[in-house]
Amino acid sequence: MQLSSSFSSFLVSVLFAVTLSDRSHAVPTEHPAAQNSSSGLSVHSYASRSTHQLIVRAPEPITVPLQNIGKDQAYYASLFIGGNPVPFNLLADSGSHDLWVFSETSPQRGNHNGIGSVSSPQTFANLNRAWSTGYEDGQGINGAVFSDNVFIGGKGISGMVMGTAQTATQDIAESREDGILGLATGRFSRTGGLTLLDSLVHAQIIPEAVTGWKLSRKADGLNDGEIVFGGINSNKFDPNTRITLANIDTNDGGYKVALDGIMANGAVVVGASIGIIDSGSTDITAHPVVAQRLNAQIPGAELDEDGEYIIPCNTQTVFVVGIGQAAWPIDPRDLSFSRVRGRNGYCVSNIQADEDRAANEILLGAAFLKNVYHILDKGRNQVGLARLR
């Protein structure tokens, strides 16, 4: 998901940020769920301590599974917060910065997991500050800032500052996930605390501020999606195809790369552009003129009465995205989304128009990212791509 422009301009005061940055550190305690051997949580965070000796282990990457939501609509990672024994399933979003979850007192909570003084009585701390955030698609939340311990991949961070959703727009309230895990480039979230990635680095739990991504395709039946925090998984990609690109996003705190162009049916459809890497978006979105040009390459594509492109579900059109002087094809199965009611054999296209998208920018969501292994190197301000094995 992409943050709205009004929120992209938000700045955290330096004094407040420095104060909070010193609060996150490794937690040498056991999460309640660790009593269940199936949880995978270790007793200690990253260093083993005893009264007789101190063994400091070098930080190692953490691998967290990514689960599909719907037909590759989105991907969630699970983590624990405070004393709540139920995991929080959070949308893994490289297009935003914040970690937030539903408040346990939210009237819109429904079946979502929530946090508060009831579910986490020992460590939950209400910081008595309101906060809100919004996204490019018009969705947003309002809530409060809190701190609590966070456990991910068997490791723990104490006193991490996060946000709750007390109220949310309809699509967020009706979504399957319990919140959003923002993994864009900003060091501080809009709650005023360090982002999860920077908290893990600051606490010396992981070696560096980099994430390695494999988004699975439900049609493949492998369920092998994952995020590696602090490193990459070289078993997931062909190292001979790996390229490294400069992140050219200078304003929005996300990840953007230079596109050489997009081809289909043996011809260049779109010339040099800017590609926005966004794991929190399902589809590929572009300026209406560009979106029309792309969908026109798919035989049978139509613009329906709601202004959405629909295409034959069994399309065989192959788009090839040029990045770093290398060709990155999109599997035709990734061009179609949900089936269209009343139109046998038609699906919603995963290439859609966005009137707010700049004419030279194309958002590359999961429809593209499923076809590559991508590396988001926040520390070096770079993006890596490689062919999947």
Foldseek 3Di string as FASTA:
>chain_A
DAFDPVVLPDDFDPVLLVVQAVQKAWDQADAPLVVPVVPQADGGAQWDDDPVDTGHDQAAKFKFAWFADAQNQFTWTWKDWANQNDIFTATEKQNAFAWEFAAPQAPLCVPADHDDCVRHVPFKAFPPAKFKTARPVGKIFIFGKIFTWMGHRNIIIGGFIHTHGNDIDDVVSPDDGRTHQYLFQDQAHRSSYGHPLNSCVSNSNAPAQKKKWARAGVVVVPSGTIIIRRDYDPQFFDVVFKDKFAQPDDRRRGGKAWWQAKDWPPDTQGGIFIEGEIQSGLAKEAAPVSLVSVQVRWPPWDQDPVRFIKHQQPTQIWMWIGGPNDTQIFGSNLQFHAADPPDPRMGTGRYHYDNPHDNRYMYHYPSRSNQWIWMCHSPRNMIMTGGTD
